[in-house]
Amino acid sequence: MKKLLYLFCASLLILTSCSKDDSQDSTADNVVLVKKAISNNGTSTDFLEYGYSGKKLTRITPSIAGVAFFDFSYDGDLINGSKRYNGDNVVDFEMVYEYDSKQRLVTEKTLSKVYSFGEKKVFVYNSDGTIGFTKFSGDLIKQDEIIGTGTIWLNDEGETIKVEEYQDDALLSRTEYTYDDKKCIFNNIPAYNKLFLLGEIAKTHNILTYKAYDNNNVLAYSYSNKYAYNTANYPVSVITTFKDGTVGTTDWIYY
């Protein structure tokens, strides 16, 4: 599915037939945790396996050439970073997250060790409920060159419903999201919903539609999802239809 549509949403959390497991047992006090995701685009199959310490997601192991695994670190219950290890078990990509005293995400850093490149987003919480951000670029140590700004709109449950990005005050892109009313596969991971997952992964529910428009307000990319759920309202499979007509499937297995 577009080589794991759900592969590390800008490199934080990746998602993606097997038995549809309706069991509500898990290794963490009977809390539902996703164990494995399997994605098929009709020509190839990829999988992701998830590892935990208690309820904390600590590792994702994909079946992708050149990637060994992703590790996650915490400060208390807050996810403060993730690292991608290549086939030689060397870190080649890293995410760093910082929070304010209200446990709101205020800084997100993306560091590419391969290209010695760094990008930083700084978030500001506005009185009207929107969230503004400024994007900076630089190296692995310092990111101080402004390359863009943006605004995030949230629904009543804190899910991102629209994102606009600007460059030199001109609209660069717009993305829009709709959701179901069921449970996200990462629903029980501590502080997962503190992060802005501005790609293929939702915080609380599951993405039904995604639309991305270019600076001319032309629809450049989109997809829609149709889920099947277990008795506890967690998704066990999804059929994804893309703008170009291609279709992919993803199946989830839980502990």
C-alpha atoms as a PDB file:
ATOM      1  CA  MET A   1       0.000   0.000   0.000  1.00  0.00           C
ATOM      2  CA  LYS A   2       2.195   2.768  -1.389  1.00  0.00           C
ATOM      3  CA  LYS A   3       5.094   0.901   0.290  1.00  0.00           C
ATOM      4  CA  LEU A   4       3.464   0.915   3.648  1.00  0.00           C
ATOM      5  CA  LEU A   5       1.303   3.987   3.565  1.00  0.00           C
ATOM      6  CA  TYR A   6       1.461   3.778   7.323  1.00  0.00           C
ATOM      7  CA  LEU A   7       5.283   3.690   7.469  1.00  0.00           C
ATOM      8  CA  PHE A   8       6.521   6.133  10.029  1.00  0.00           C
ATOM      9  CA  CYS A   9       4.414   9.145   9.513  1.00  0.00           C
ATOM     10  CA  ALA A  10       7.218  11.630   8.918  1.00  0.00           C
ATOM     11  CA  SER A  11       9.036   9.081  10.944  1.00  0.00           C
ATOM     12  CA  LEU A  12       7.178   8.809  14.158  1.00  0.00           C
ATOM     13  CA  LEU A  13       4.674   5.997  14.174  1.00  0.00           C
ATOM     14  CA  ILE A  14       3.980   3.655  11.360  1.00  0.00           C
ATOM     15  CA  LEU A  15       0.934   1.620  10.766  1.00  0.00           C
ATOM     16  CA  THR A  16      -0.017  -0.753   8.624  1.00  0.00           C
ATOM     17  CA  SER A  17      -4.565 -11.521   5.263  1.00  0.00           C
ATOM     18  CA  CYS A  18      -3.972 -12.389   8.745  1.00  0.00           C
ATOM     19  CA  SER A  19      -6.449 -13.701  11.214  1.00  0.00           C
ATOM     20  CA  LYS A  20      -8.774 -11.007  12.442  1.00  0.00           C
ATOM     21  CA  ASP A  21      -8.041 -11.309  16.166  1.00  0.00           C
ATOM     22  CA  ASP A  22     -10.950 -10.073  18.298  1.00  0.00           C
ATOM     23  CA  SER A  23      -9.267 -10.949  21.573  1.00  0.00           C
ATOM     24  CA  GLN A  24      -9.075  -8.177  24.147  1.00  0.00           C
ATOM     25  CA  ASP A  25      -6.156  -9.728  26.032  1.00  0.00           C
ATOM     26  CA  SER A  26      -2.724  -8.100  25.993  1.00  0.00           C
ATOM     27  CA  THR A  27       0.588  -8.230  27.774  1.00  0.00           C
ATOM     28  CA  ALA A  28      -0.175  -4.990  29.629  1.00  0.00           C
ATOM     29  CA  ASP A  29      -2.934  -5.567  32.198  1.00  0.00           C
ATOM     30  CA  ASN A  30      -5.455  -6.661  29.566  1.00  0.00           C
ATOM     31  CA  VAL A  31      -5.077  -3.387  27.678  1.00  0.00           C
ATOM     32  CA  VAL A  32      -5.428  -3.737  23.921  1.00  0.00           C
ATOM     33  CA  LEU A  33      -2.118  -3.210  22.110  1.00  0.00           C
ATOM     34  CA  VAL A  34      -1.423  -3.757  18.434  1.00  0.00           C
ATOM     35  CA  LYS A  35       1.054  -6.585  17.799  1.00  0.00           C
ATOM     36  CA  LYS A  36       1.479  -6.677  14.041  1.00  0.00           C
ATOM     37  CA  ALA A  37       0.351  -4.884  10.892  1.00  0.00           C
ATOM     38  CA  ILE A  38       0.385  -6.386   7.424  1.00  0.00           C
ATOM     39  CA  SER A  39       0.042  -4.308   4.274  1.00  0.00           C
ATOM     40  CA  ASN A  40      -0.608  -5.549   0.748  1.00  0.00           C
ATOM     41  CA  ASN A  41      -0.790  -3.507  -2.456  1.00  0.00           C
ATOM     42  CA  GLY A  42      -1.563  -6.395  -4.778  1.00  0.00           C
ATOM     43  CA  THR A  43       2.039  -7.004  -5.801  1.00  0.00           C
ATOM     44  CA  SER A  44       3.940  -7.052  -2.506  1.00  0.00           C
ATOM     45  CA  THR A  45       3.342  -7.560   1.205  1.00  0.00           C
ATOM     46  CA  ASP A  46       5.042  -5.672   4.029  1.00  0.00           C
ATOM     47  CA  PHE A  47       4.671  -5.985   7.773  1.00  0.00           C
ATOM     48  CA  LEU A  48       5.391  -4.111  10.972  1.00  0.00           C
ATOM     49  CA  GLU A  49       5.869  -5.715  14.381  1.00  0.00           C
ATOM     50  CA  TYR A  50       5.395  -3.668  17.562  1.00  0.00           C
ATOM     51  CA  GLY A  51       7.262  -4.102  20.865  1.00  0.00           C
ATOM     52  CA  TYR A  52       6.353  -2.649  24.264  1.00  0.00           C
ATOM     53  CA  SER A  53       7.506  -2.097  27.805  1.00  0.00           C
ATOM     54  CA  GLY A  54       4.230  -2.296  29.667  1.00  0.00           C
ATOM     55  CA  LYS A  55       1.956  -0.052  27.614  1.00  0.00           C
ATOM     56  CA  LYS A  56       4.791   2.055  26.191  1.00  0.00           C
ATOM     57  CA  LEU A  57       5.634   1.497  22.536  1.00  0.00           C
ATOM     58  CA  THR A  58       9.390   0.938  22.467  1.00  0.00           C
ATOM     59  CA  ARG A  59      10.177  -0.609  19.084  1.00  0.00           C
ATOM     60  CA  ILE A  60       8.761  -1.090  15.599  1.00  0.00           C
ATOM     61  CA  THR A  61      10.411  -3.630  13.338  1.00  0.00           C
ATOM     62  CA  PRO A  62       9.510  -3.368   9.632  1.00  0.00           C
ATOM     63  CA  SER A  63      10.066  -5.741   6.728  1.00  0.00           C
ATOM     64  CA  ILE A  64      11.728  -3.030   4.671  1.00  0.00           C
ATOM     65  CA  ALA A  65      15.178  -3.333   3.131  1.00  0.00           C
ATOM     66  CA  GLY A  66      17.764  -1.087   4.733  1.00  0.00           C
ATOM     67  CA  VAL A  67      15.764  -0.480   7.926  1.00  0.00           C
ATOM     68  CA  ALA A  68      16.434  -2.645  10.980  1.00  0.00           C
ATOM     69  CA  PHE A  69      14.025  -1.091  13.482  1.00  0.00           C
ATOM     70  CA  PHE A  70      12.695   2.099  15.101  1.00  0.00           C
ATOM     71  CA  ASP A  71      13.219   2.720  18.824  1.00  0.00           C
ATOM     72  CA  PHE A  72      11.212   5.128  21.008  1.00  0.00           C
ATOM     73  CA  SER A  73      12.296   6.944  24.172  1.00  0.00           C
ATOM     74  CA  TYR A  74      10.248   8.515  26.978  1.00  0.00           C
ATOM     75  CA  ASP A  75      10.434  11.190  29.644  1.00  0.00           C
ATOM     76  CA  GLY A  76       7.964   9.790  32.134  1.00  0.00           C
ATOM     77  CA  ASP A  77       4.951   8.948  29.970  1.00  0.00           C
ATOM     78  CA  LEU A  78       5.812  11.513  27.269  1.00  0.00           C
ATOM     79  CA  ILE A  79       7.385  10.273  24.048  1.00  0.00           C
ATOM     80  CA  ASN A  80      10.489  12.454  23.714  1.00  0.00           C
ATOM     81  CA  GLY A  81      12.163  10.843  20.739  1.00  0.00           C
ATOM     82  CA  SER A  82      12.467   8.100  18.166  1.00  0.00           C
ATOM     83  CA  LYS A  83      15.423   6.738  16.214  1.00  0.00           C
ATOM     84  CA  ARG A  84      15.598   4.768  13.002  1.00  0.00           C
ATOM     85  CA  TYR A  85      18.389   2.211  12.682  1.00  0.00           C
ATOM     86  CA  ASN A  86      19.647   1.077   9.287  1.00  0.00           C
ATOM     87  CA  GLY A  87      20.645  -2.430   8.246  1.00  0.00           C
ATOM     88  CA  ASP A  88      24.001  -1.975   9.989  1.00  0.00           C
ATOM     89  CA  ASN A  89      22.235  -1.056  13.261  1.00  0.00           C
ATOM     90  CA  VAL A  90      23.431   2.550  12.979  1.00  0.00           C
ATOM     91  CA  VAL A  91      21.080   5.489  13.645  1.00  0.00           C
ATOM     92  CA  ASP A  92      20.405   7.313  10.392  1.00  0.00           C
ATOM     93  CA  PHE A  93      17.270   9.273  11.305  1.00  0.00           C
ATOM     94  CA  GLU A  94      15.982  10.765  14.544  1.00  0.00           C
ATOM     95  CA  MET A  95      12.951  12.626  15.882  1.00  0.00           C
ATOM     96  CA  VAL A  96      13.086  14.766  19.043  1.00  0.00           C
ATOM     97  CA  TYR A  97      10.007  16.095  20.883  1.00  0.00           C
ATOM     98  CA  GLU A  98       9.812  18.804  23.552  1.00  0.00           C
ATOM     99  CA  TYR A  99       6.822  19.842  25.685  1.00  0.00           C
ATOM    100  CA  ASP A 100       5.761  22.789  27.818  1.00  0.00           C
ATOM    101  CA  SER A 101       4.626  22.690  31.460  1.00  0.00           C
ATOM    102  CA  LYS A 102       1.097  21.751  30.289  1.00  0.00           C
ATOM    103  CA  GLN A 103       2.490  18.721  28.451  1.00  0.00           C
ATOM    104  CA  ARG A 104       1.739  20.324  25.085  1.00  0.00           C
ATOM    105  CA  LEU A 105       4.108  19.622  22.221  1.00  0.00           C
ATOM    106  CA  VAL A 106       6.105  22.783  21.499  1.00  0.00           C
ATOM    107  CA  THR A 107       9.051  21.565  19.421  1.00  0.00           C
ATOM    108  CA  GLU A 108       9.486  18.731  16.929  1.00  0.00           C
ATOM    109  CA  LYS A 109      12.923  18.116  15.415  1.00  0.00           C
ATOM    110  CA  THR A 110      13.665  15.905  12.419  1.00  0.00           C
ATOM    111  CA  LEU A 111      17.337  14.980  12.080  1.00  0.00           C
ATOM    112  CA  SER A 112      18.784  13.124   9.093  1.00  0.00           C
ATOM    113  CA  LYS A 113      22.202  11.723   9.966  1.00  0.00           C
ATOM    114  CA  VAL A 114      22.730  10.602   6.369  1.00  0.00           C
ATOM    115  CA  TYR A 115      22.445  14.118   4.937  1.00  0.00           C
ATOM    116  CA  SER A 116      23.543  16.054   8.061  1.00  0.00           C
ATOM    117  CA  PHE A 117      20.265  17.934   7.784  1.00  0.00           C
ATOM    118  CA  GLY A 118      17.901  19.128  10.471  1.00  0.00           C
ATOM    119  CA  GLU A 119      14.382  20.566  10.445  1.00  0.00           C
ATOM    120  CA  LYS A 120      12.470  21.966  13.387  1.00  0.00           C
ATOM    121  CA  LYS A 121       8.816  22.866  13.962  1.00  0.00           C
ATOM    122  CA  VAL A 122       7.898  25.227  16.787  1.00  0.00           C
ATOM    123  CA  PHE A 123       4.220  25.175  17.825  1.00  0.00           C
ATOM    124  CA  VAL A 124       2.204  28.057  19.312  1.00  0.00           C
ATOM    125  CA  TYR A 125      -1.237  27.553  20.874  1.00  0.00           C
ATOM    126  CA  ASN A 126      -3.636  30.321  19.847  1.00  0.00           C
ATOM    127  CA  SER A 127      -6.601  31.656  21.824  1.00  0.00           C
ATOM    128  CA  ASP A 128      -9.023  30.659  19.032  1.00  0.00           C
ATOM    129  CA  GLY A 129      -8.108  26.989  19.408  1.00  0.00           C
ATOM    130  CA  THR A 130      -5.879  26.792  16.350  1.00  0.00           C
ATOM    131  CA  ILE A 131      -2.199  25.910  16.532  1.00  0.00           C
ATOM    132  CA  GLY A 132       0.387  27.846  14.595  1.00  0.00           C
ATOM    133  CA  PHE A 133       3.792  26.546  13.686  1.00  0.00           C
ATOM    134  CA  THR A 134       7.032  27.831  12.193  1.00  0.00           C
ATOM    135  CA  LYS A 135       9.426  25.572  10.298  1.00  0.00           C
ATOM    136  CA  PHE A 136      13.187  26.028  10.496  1.00  0.00           C
ATOM    137  CA  SER A 137      15.995  24.225   8.678  1.00  0.00           C
ATOM    138  CA  GLY A 138      19.688  23.783   9.404  1.00  0.00           C
ATOM    139  CA  ASP A 139      22.130  21.080  10.395  1.00  0.00           C
ATOM    140  CA  LEU A 140      22.068  18.428  13.096  1.00  0.00           C
ATOM    141  CA  ILE A 141      23.026  20.943  15.801  1.00  0.00           C
ATOM    142  CA  LYS A 142      21.134  24.127  14.952  1.00  0.00           C
ATOM    143  CA  GLN A 143      18.031  24.846  12.908  1.00  0.00           C
ATOM    144  CA  ASP A 144      17.480  28.601  12.629  1.00  0.00           C
ATOM    145  CA  GLU A 145      16.573  29.398   9.018  1.00  0.00           C
ATOM    146  CA  ILE A 146      12.839  29.998   8.624  1.00  0.00           C
ATOM    147  CA  ILE A 147      11.484  28.019   5.674  1.00  0.00           C
ATOM    148  CA  GLY A 148       7.757  28.198   6.271  1.00  0.00           C
ATOM    149  CA  THR A 149       4.813  28.677   8.592  1.00  0.00           C
ATOM    150  CA  GLY A 150       1.479  26.976   9.064  1.00  0.00           C
ATOM    151  CA  THR A 151      -1.785  26.627  10.936  1.00  0.00           C
ATOM    152  CA  ILE A 152      -3.481  23.517  12.327  1.00  0.00           C
ATOM    153  CA  TRP A 153      -7.231  23.286  12.935  1.00  0.00           C
ATOM    154  CA  LEU A 154      -8.558  20.699  15.387  1.00  0.00           C
ATOM    155  CA  ASN A 155     -11.979  19.169  15.970  1.00  0.00           C
ATOM    156  CA  ASP A 156     -13.608  18.923  19.405  1.00  0.00           C
ATOM    157  CA  GLU A 157     -11.630  15.768  20.205  1.00  0.00           C
ATOM    158  CA  GLY A 158      -8.275  17.292  19.355  1.00  0.00           C
ATOM    159  CA  GLU A 159      -7.850  15.567  16.004  1.00  0.00           C
ATOM    160  CA  THR A 160      -6.294  17.499  13.146  1.00  0.00           C
ATOM    161  CA  ILE A 161      -8.958  18.342  10.559  1.00  0.00           C
ATOM    162  CA  LYS A 162      -7.053  20.852   8.433  1.00  0.00           C
ATOM    163  CA  VAL A 163      -3.469  22.007   7.973  1.00  0.00           C
ATOM    164  CA  GLU A 164      -2.325  24.929   5.862  1.00  0.00           C
ATOM    165  CA  GLU A 165       1.341  25.617   5.130  1.00  0.00           C
ATOM    166  CA  TYR A 166       2.731  28.884   3.832  1.00  0.00           C
ATOM    167  CA  GLN A 167       5.965  30.053   2.293  1.00  0.00           C
ATOM    168  CA  ASP A 168       6.664  33.799   2.204  1.00  0.00           C
ATOM    169  CA  ASP A 169       3.031  34.308   3.282  1.00  0.00           C
ATOM    170  CA  ALA A 170       1.745  32.497   0.180  1.00  0.00           C
ATOM    171  CA  LEU A 171      -0.303  29.313   0.578  1.00  0.00           C
ATOM    172  CA  LEU A 172       1.891  26.327  -0.207  1.00  0.00           C
ATOM    173  CA  SER A 173      -0.454  23.427   0.568  1.00  0.00           C
ATOM    174  CA  ARG A 174      -3.602  22.411   2.410  1.00  0.00           C
ATOM    175  CA  THR A 175      -4.527  19.018   3.822  1.00  0.00           C
ATOM    176  CA  GLU A 176      -7.909  17.948   5.171  1.00  0.00           C
ATOM    177  CA  TYR A 177      -8.946  14.930   7.271  1.00  0.00           C
ATOM    178  CA  THR A 178     -12.147  13.203   8.358  1.00  0.00           C
ATOM    179  CA  TYR A 179     -12.456  10.440  10.974  1.00  0.00           C
ATOM    180  CA  ASP A 180     -14.623   7.586  12.168  1.00  0.00           C
ATOM    181  CA  ASP A 181     -15.895   7.310  15.755  1.00  0.00           C
ATOM    182  CA  LYS A 182     -14.001   4.100  16.617  1.00  0.00           C
ATOM    183  CA  LYS A 183     -10.705   3.486  18.417  1.00  0.00           C
ATOM    184  CA  CYS A 184      -7.245   4.129  16.967  1.00  0.00           C
ATOM    185  CA  ILE A 185      -4.825   1.182  17.118  1.00  0.00           C
ATOM    186  CA  PHE A 186      -2.527   3.230  19.387  1.00  0.00           C
ATOM    187  CA  ASN A 187      -5.370   4.267  21.690  1.00  0.00           C
ATOM    188  CA  ASN A 188      -3.745   2.789  24.807  1.00  0.00           C
ATOM    189  CA  ILE A 189      -0.177   4.041  24.343  1.00  0.00           C
ATOM    190  CA  PRO A 190       0.612   6.700  26.988  1.00  0.00           C
ATOM    191  CA  ALA A 191       0.757  10.290  25.686  1.00  0.00           C
ATOM    192  CA  TYR A 192       0.515   9.188  22.062  1.00  0.00           C
ATOM    193  CA  ASN A 193      -2.227  11.789  21.561  1.00  0.00           C
ATOM    194  CA  LYS A 194       0.158  14.586  22.583  1.00  0.00           C
ATOM    195  CA  LEU A 195       1.828  14.396  19.180  1.00  0.00           C
ATOM    196  CA  PHE A 196       0.688  16.001  15.937  1.00  0.00           C
ATOM    197  CA  LEU A 197       0.630  13.194  13.425  1.00  0.00           C
ATOM    198  CA  LEU A 198       0.149  15.227  10.307  1.00  0.00           C
ATOM    199  CA  GLY A 199       0.202  12.327   7.911  1.00  0.00           C
ATOM    200  CA  GLU A 200      -1.481   8.957   7.908  1.00  0.00           C
ATOM    201  CA  ILE A 201      -2.104   8.355  11.599  1.00  0.00           C
ATOM    202  CA  ALA A 202      -4.805   9.768  13.847  1.00  0.00           C
ATOM    203  CA  LYS A 203      -4.718  10.339  17.600  1.00  0.00           C
ATOM    204  CA  THR A 204      -7.935   8.877  18.937  1.00  0.00           C
ATOM    205  CA  HIS A 205     -10.044   7.615  16.038  1.00  0.00           C
ATOM    206  CA  ASN A 206      -9.194   6.444  12.499  1.00  0.00           C
ATOM    207  CA  ILE A 207      -8.804   8.485   9.331  1.00  0.00           C
ATOM    208  CA  LEU A 208     -11.654   8.047   6.839  1.00  0.00           C
ATOM    209  CA  THR A 209     -10.525  10.510   4.175  1.00  0.00           C
ATOM    210  CA  TYR A 210      -7.354  12.431   3.450  1.00  0.00           C
ATOM    211  CA  LYS A 211      -7.096  15.189   0.841  1.00  0.00           C
ATOM    212  CA  ALA A 212      -4.009  17.211  -0.065  1.00  0.00           C
ATOM    213  CA  TYR A 213      -4.248  20.322  -2.220  1.00  0.00           C
ATOM    214  CA  ASP A 214      -1.406  22.232  -3.881  1.00  0.00           C
ATOM    215  CA  ASN A 215      -0.856  25.994  -3.913  1.00  0.00           C
ATOM    216  CA  ASN A 216      -3.373  26.353  -6.749  1.00  0.00           C
ATOM    217  CA  ASN A 217      -6.065  24.623  -4.690  1.00  0.00           C
ATOM    218  CA  VAL A 218      -5.871  21.574  -6.961  1.00  0.00           C
ATOM    219  CA  LEU A 219      -6.327  18.166  -5.366  1.00  0.00           C
ATOM    220  CA  ALA A 220      -2.886  16.585  -5.657  1.00  0.00           C
ATOM    221  CA  TYR A 221      -3.291  13.452  -3.543  1.00  0.00           C
ATOM    222  CA  SER A 222      -6.082  11.734  -1.672  1.00  0.00           C
ATOM    223  CA  TYR A 223      -7.305   8.443  -0.301  1.00  0.00           C
ATOM    224  CA  SER A 224     -10.297   7.006   1.521  1.00  0.00           C
ATOM    225  CA  ASN A 225     -10.431   4.180   4.052  1.00  0.00           C
ATOM    226  CA  LYS A 226     -13.078   1.539   4.723  1.00  0.00           C
ATOM    227  CA  TYR A 227     -12.526  -0.348   7.988  1.00  0.00           C
ATOM    228  CA  ALA A 228     -13.680  -3.575   9.582  1.00  0.00           C
ATOM    229  CA  TYR A 229     -13.705  -3.540  13.390  1.00  0.00           C
ATOM    230  CA  ASN A 230     -13.616  -6.072  16.188  1.00  0.00           C
ATOM    231  CA  THR A 231     -16.179  -6.217  18.998  1.00  0.00           C
ATOM    232  CA  ALA A 232     -14.224  -3.629  21.008  1.00  0.00           C
ATOM    233  CA  ASN A 233     -14.321  -1.130  18.088  1.00  0.00           C
ATOM    234  CA  TYR A 234     -10.641  -1.427  17.151  1.00  0.00           C
ATOM    235  CA  PRO A 235      -9.906  -1.713  13.420  1.00  0.00           C
ATOM    236  CA  VAL A 236      -8.793  -5.174  12.292  1.00  0.00           C
ATOM    237  CA  SER A 237      -8.527  -4.349   8.592  1.00  0.00           C
ATOM    238  CA  VAL A 238      -8.838  -1.467   6.167  1.00  0.00           C
ATOM    239  CA  ILE A 239      -9.241  -1.127   2.419  1.00  0.00           C
ATOM    240  CA  THR A 240      -7.581   2.047   1.152  1.00  0.00           C
ATOM    241  CA  THR A 241      -8.511   3.549  -2.209  1.00  0.00           C
ATOM    242  CA  PHE A 242      -6.144   6.170  -3.613  1.00  0.00           C
ATOM    243  CA  LYS A 243      -6.800   9.075  -5.956  1.00  0.00           C
ATOM    244  CA  ASP A 244      -5.231   7.209  -8.878  1.00  0.00           C
ATOM    245  CA  GLY A 245      -7.602   4.272  -8.368  1.00  0.00           C
ATOM    246  CA  THR A 246      -5.102   1.886  -6.832  1.00  0.00           C
ATOM    247  CA  VAL A 247      -6.199  -0.086  -3.791  1.00  0.00           C
ATOM    248  CA  GLY A 248      -4.289  -1.447  -0.811  1.00  0.00           C
ATOM    249  CA  THR A 249      -5.193  -3.377   2.312  1.00  0.00           C
ATOM    250  CA  THR A 250      -3.883  -3.421   5.861  1.00  0.00           C
ATOM    251  CA  ASP A 251      -4.646  -5.956   8.608  1.00  0.00           C
ATOM    252  CA  TRP A 252      -3.901  -5.571  12.317  1.00  0.00           C
ATOM    253  CA  ILE A 253      -3.340  -8.263  14.931  1.00  0.00           C
ATOM    254  CA  TYR A 254      -3.625  -7.434  18.644  1.00  0.00           C
ATOM    255  CA  TYR A 255      -2.250  -9.085  21.756  1.00  0.00           C
END
